[in-house]
């Protein structure tokens, strides 16, 4: 789905994001799903996840399950 086709939502990025545009943004969609986009390309693609999918991802990220993907545990 094109991110610029998702209207009337508020895109939010983490306060931990840097100010140079390398951020992901998340929006709550009507009906309970969530959209995720790259802030450098706000008109580019957006991935849409269900509430359960987003809950599982956030829990896994908080537990450090993805830290090895960017070398945080190296």
N, C-alpha and C. Protein backbone atom coordinates (compact mmCIF):
# COMPACT_ATOMS: atom_id res chain seq x y z
N UNK A 1 0.84 -1.17 0.00
CA UNK A 1 0.00 0.00 0.00
C UNK A 1 0.90 1.24 0.00
N UNK A 2 0.53 2.24 -0.75
CA UNK A 2 1.29 3.49 -0.78
C UNK A 2 0.99 4.30 0.48
N UNK A 3 2.05 4.73 1.17
CA UNK A 3 1.88 5.46 2.42
C UNK A 3 1.12 6.77 2.22
N UNK A 4 1.33 7.43 1.08
CA UNK A 4 0.63 8.70 0.86
C UNK A 4 -0.86 8.50 0.54
N UNK A 5 -1.26 7.24 0.37
CA UNK A 5 -2.67 6.93 0.20
C UNK A 5 -3.39 6.71 1.52
N UNK A 6 -2.62 6.71 2.59
CA UNK A 6 -3.20 6.56 3.93
C UNK A 6 -3.37 7.96 4.50
N UNK A 7 -4.61 8.41 4.52
CA UNK A 7 -4.88 9.79 4.94
C UNK A 7 -5.64 9.80 6.26
N UNK A 8 -5.71 10.96 6.85
CA UNK A 8 -6.44 11.19 8.10
C UNK A 8 -5.90 10.35 9.25
N UNK A 9 -4.58 10.13 9.26
CA UNK A 9 -3.94 9.44 10.37
C UNK A 9 -2.79 10.31 10.87
N UNK A 10 -2.32 10.02 12.05
CA UNK A 10 -1.17 10.72 12.62
C UNK A 10 0.01 9.77 12.62
N UNK A 11 1.04 10.09 11.84
CA UNK A 11 2.26 9.29 11.81
C UNK A 11 3.12 9.68 13.01
N UNK A 12 3.65 8.68 13.71
CA UNK A 12 4.43 8.89 14.91
C UNK A 12 5.77 8.20 14.76
N UNK A 13 6.85 8.87 15.21
CA UNK A 13 8.16 8.21 15.23
C UNK A 13 8.70 8.24 16.65
N UNK A 14 9.59 7.34 16.93
CA UNK A 14 10.18 7.21 18.25
C UNK A 14 10.97 8.45 18.62
N UNK A 15 10.94 8.81 19.89
CA UNK A 15 11.77 9.91 20.37
C UNK A 15 13.25 9.54 20.31
N UNK A 16 13.56 8.24 20.15
CA UNK A 16 14.94 7.79 20.03
C UNK A 16 15.47 7.95 18.60
N UNK A 17 14.61 8.32 17.67
CA UNK A 17 15.03 8.50 16.28
C UNK A 17 15.96 9.70 16.16
N UNK A 18 16.91 9.60 15.26
CA UNK A 18 17.81 10.73 15.04
C UNK A 18 17.12 11.79 14.19
N UNK A 19 17.69 12.96 14.13
CA UNK A 19 17.11 14.05 13.38
C UNK A 19 17.52 14.09 11.93
N UNK A 20 18.17 13.04 11.43
CA UNK A 20 18.66 13.08 10.04
C UNK A 20 17.81 12.24 9.10
N UNK A 21 16.62 11.87 9.53
CA UNK A 21 15.68 11.24 8.63
C UNK A 21 15.73 9.73 8.53
N UNK A 22 16.52 9.07 9.36
CA UNK A 22 16.55 7.60 9.28
C UNK A 22 15.65 7.01 10.36
N UNK A 23 14.36 7.17 10.14
CA UNK A 23 13.37 6.76 11.12
C UNK A 23 12.27 5.92 10.45
N UNK A 24 11.61 5.15 11.26
CA UNK A 24 10.37 4.55 10.82
C UNK A 24 9.24 5.24 11.56
N UNK A 25 8.11 5.33 10.92
CA UNK A 25 6.94 5.97 11.52
C UNK A 25 5.79 4.97 11.53
N UNK A 26 4.96 5.08 12.55
CA UNK A 26 3.83 4.17 12.72
C UNK A 26 2.56 5.00 12.83
N UNK A 27 1.49 4.49 12.25
CA UNK A 27 0.18 5.15 12.35
C UNK A 27 -0.86 4.10 12.72
N UNK A 28 -1.73 4.46 13.64
CA UNK A 28 -2.89 3.62 13.96
C UNK A 28 -3.95 3.88 12.90
N UNK A 29 -4.46 2.81 12.32
CA UNK A 29 -5.46 2.92 11.27
C UNK A 29 -6.86 2.69 11.82
N UNK A 30 -7.86 3.26 11.18
CA UNK A 30 -9.23 2.96 11.57
C UNK A 30 -9.46 1.44 11.48
N UNK A 31 -10.08 0.88 12.45
CA UNK A 31 -10.33 -0.56 12.44
C UNK A 31 -9.32 -1.34 13.27
N UNK A 32 -8.25 -0.67 13.74
CA UNK A 32 -7.33 -1.33 14.65
C UNK A 32 -6.00 -1.79 14.08
N UNK A 33 -5.82 -1.74 12.76
CA UNK A 33 -4.54 -2.13 12.18
C UNK A 33 -3.53 -0.98 12.34
N UNK A 34 -2.27 -1.27 11.99
CA UNK A 34 -1.20 -0.28 12.07
C UNK A 34 -0.45 -0.25 10.76
N UNK A 35 -0.01 0.93 10.36
CA UNK A 35 0.83 1.09 9.16
C UNK A 35 2.21 1.55 9.60
N UNK A 36 3.24 1.08 8.89
CA UNK A 36 4.62 1.45 9.16
C UNK A 36 5.24 1.93 7.85
N UNK A 37 5.95 3.08 7.91
CA UNK A 37 6.60 3.61 6.72
C UNK A 37 7.99 4.13 7.07
N UNK A 38 8.79 4.32 6.05
CA UNK A 38 10.12 4.91 6.17
C UNK A 38 9.97 6.42 6.10
N UNK A 39 10.44 7.14 7.11
CA UNK A 39 10.25 8.60 7.12
C UNK A 39 10.99 9.31 5.99
N UNK A 40 12.03 8.70 5.42
CA UNK A 40 12.74 9.32 4.30
C UNK A 40 11.92 9.29 3.03
N UNK A 41 10.96 8.37 2.95
CA UNK A 41 10.13 8.21 1.76
C UNK A 41 8.65 8.18 2.16
N UNK A 42 8.12 9.29 2.66
CA UNK A 42 6.74 9.28 3.17
C UNK A 42 5.69 8.93 2.13
N UNK A 43 6.02 9.06 0.86
CA UNK A 43 5.09 8.68 -0.19
C UNK A 43 5.33 7.28 -0.70
N UNK A 44 6.31 6.60 -0.15
CA UNK A 44 6.65 5.25 -0.58
C UNK A 44 5.70 4.22 0.01
N UNK A 45 6.12 2.98 0.03
CA UNK A 45 5.25 1.92 0.52
C UNK A 45 5.07 1.97 2.04
N UNK A 46 3.95 1.47 2.48
CA UNK A 46 3.69 1.27 3.90
C UNK A 46 3.32 -0.19 4.10
N UNK A 47 3.81 -0.75 5.18
CA UNK A 47 3.42 -2.11 5.55
C UNK A 47 2.30 -2.00 6.55
N UNK A 48 1.29 -2.84 6.41
CA UNK A 48 0.13 -2.81 7.30
C UNK A 48 0.11 -4.10 8.11
N UNK A 49 -0.03 -3.94 9.43
CA UNK A 49 -0.04 -5.07 10.36
C UNK A 49 -1.30 -5.04 11.21
N UNK A 50 -1.75 -6.22 11.60
CA UNK A 50 -2.88 -6.30 12.53
C UNK A 50 -2.41 -5.91 13.92
N UNK A 51 -3.34 -5.67 14.81
CA UNK A 51 -3.01 -5.35 16.20
C UNK A 51 -2.19 -6.48 16.83
N UNK A 52 -2.59 -7.74 16.60
CA UNK A 52 -1.85 -8.87 17.17
C UNK A 52 -0.43 -8.96 16.63
N UNK A 53 -0.26 -8.70 15.33
CA UNK A 53 1.08 -8.72 14.75
C UNK A 53 1.96 -7.62 15.34
N UNK A 54 1.40 -6.42 15.48
CA UNK A 54 2.17 -5.31 16.04
C UNK A 54 2.49 -5.56 17.51
N UNK A 55 1.55 -6.12 18.25
CA UNK A 55 1.79 -6.44 19.66
C UNK A 55 2.94 -7.44 19.80
N UNK A 56 2.95 -8.46 18.94
CA UNK A 56 4.02 -9.46 18.98
C UNK A 56 5.36 -8.84 18.62
N UNK A 57 5.39 -7.97 17.63
CA UNK A 57 6.64 -7.33 17.23
C UNK A 57 7.19 -6.44 18.33
N UNK A 58 6.33 -5.59 18.89
CA UNK A 58 6.77 -4.67 19.94
C UNK A 58 7.27 -5.46 21.16
N UNK A 59 6.59 -6.53 21.52
CA UNK A 59 7.03 -7.36 22.64
C UNK A 59 8.39 -7.98 22.34
N UNK A 60 8.58 -8.49 21.14
CA UNK A 60 9.86 -9.08 20.76
C UNK A 60 10.98 -8.06 20.73
N UNK A 61 10.70 -6.88 20.20
CA UNK A 61 11.71 -5.82 20.17
C UNK A 61 12.08 -5.40 21.59
N UNK A 62 11.09 -5.27 22.44
CA UNK A 62 11.35 -4.89 23.83
C UNK A 62 12.16 -5.93 24.58
N UNK A 63 12.00 -7.19 24.19
CA UNK A 63 12.73 -8.29 24.83
C UNK A 63 14.11 -8.49 24.23
N UNK A 64 14.46 -7.71 23.21
CA UNK A 64 15.78 -7.80 22.60
C UNK A 64 15.93 -8.89 21.56
N UNK A 65 14.81 -9.45 21.08
CA UNK A 65 14.88 -10.57 20.14
C UNK A 65 15.50 -10.20 18.79
N UNK A 66 15.57 -8.92 18.45
CA UNK A 66 16.09 -8.51 17.16
C UNK A 66 17.43 -7.79 17.27
N UNK A 67 17.95 -7.66 18.48
CA UNK A 67 19.19 -6.91 18.70
C UNK A 67 20.35 -7.44 17.86
N UNK A 68 20.41 -8.73 17.66
CA UNK A 68 21.52 -9.32 16.89
C UNK A 68 21.51 -8.89 15.42
N UNK A 69 20.39 -8.40 14.93
CA UNK A 69 20.29 -8.01 13.53
C UNK A 69 21.07 -6.74 13.22
N UNK A 70 21.32 -5.91 14.22
CA UNK A 70 22.08 -4.68 13.97
C UNK A 70 23.36 -4.62 14.81
N UNK A 71 23.77 -5.74 15.36
CA UNK A 71 25.05 -5.81 16.04
C UNK A 71 25.06 -5.28 17.45
N UNK A 72 23.89 -5.07 18.06
CA UNK A 72 23.84 -4.53 19.41
C UNK A 72 24.45 -5.47 20.43
N UNK A 73 24.44 -6.76 20.13
CA UNK A 73 24.99 -7.71 21.10
C UNK A 73 26.42 -8.11 20.74
N UNK A 74 27.02 -7.46 19.75
CA UNK A 74 28.39 -7.78 19.33
C UNK A 74 29.43 -7.17 20.23
